[in-house]
Amino acid sequence: MKKTVALFVVLLLATIIPNLAAKERHGADTVIVKKNAQVVRGELIAVKDHAVLVLDSVTKGDSTVQVSDMASLSVKIAKKSNPWEAGILGFVVGGAVGALVGRKLGESEGSLIDVETESTIGGAAIGGLVVGSGAYLIAKKKKTEVYNFEGKSPEEIEIILVRLRTYSRVPDFR
């Protein structure tokens, strides 16, 4: 019994502790298609007045791309929801449901599980891990936004650049 409770506590801590660590801000994943059909892929580092700075995923160096050279820019963005919060909430909900199911299995006659408490804890752990993992993966899913620069007025381009700054590693770069 004590080993089962200890295992449950260890699993809970393993889920919560990584979220407590300090995280370095990362820019969004970007794909820039230039007017000459050249493609630049990498992390969006900063957005300047008339250019974007990207950490190129191929060369591992910085690439500055002028807005006037861009045909389009796509940005892969993580949803605003925190996947760890969704995972922990899913763990709690799944654990509660799993505990109820495990308890019922432990109470039923002819069940392979004889000990009600252990089946309740086991059900909570399994339910929590399954539902929590699913909630984490759903919340972690990313979406892609595509911005076209061709044919845009300077005012429209400025609006796009302001939005892109929020997705960069250094949003207040000047």
Foldseek 3Di string as FASTA:
>chain_A
DVVLVVVLVVVLCVLPVVVPDDDQFWFWWKWWQFPVRDIFTAGFAAFDLFWTWGCGPPVSHIDIDGLVGTFKMKTKFQDPDQLSVQLQVQLQVQLQVQLVVQQVLCPDPPRPHPDNVSSSSVRSRVRSNVRSVVRSVVNRHIDMDMDGRPPDDSVVVNVVSLVSLVRHSHSPDD
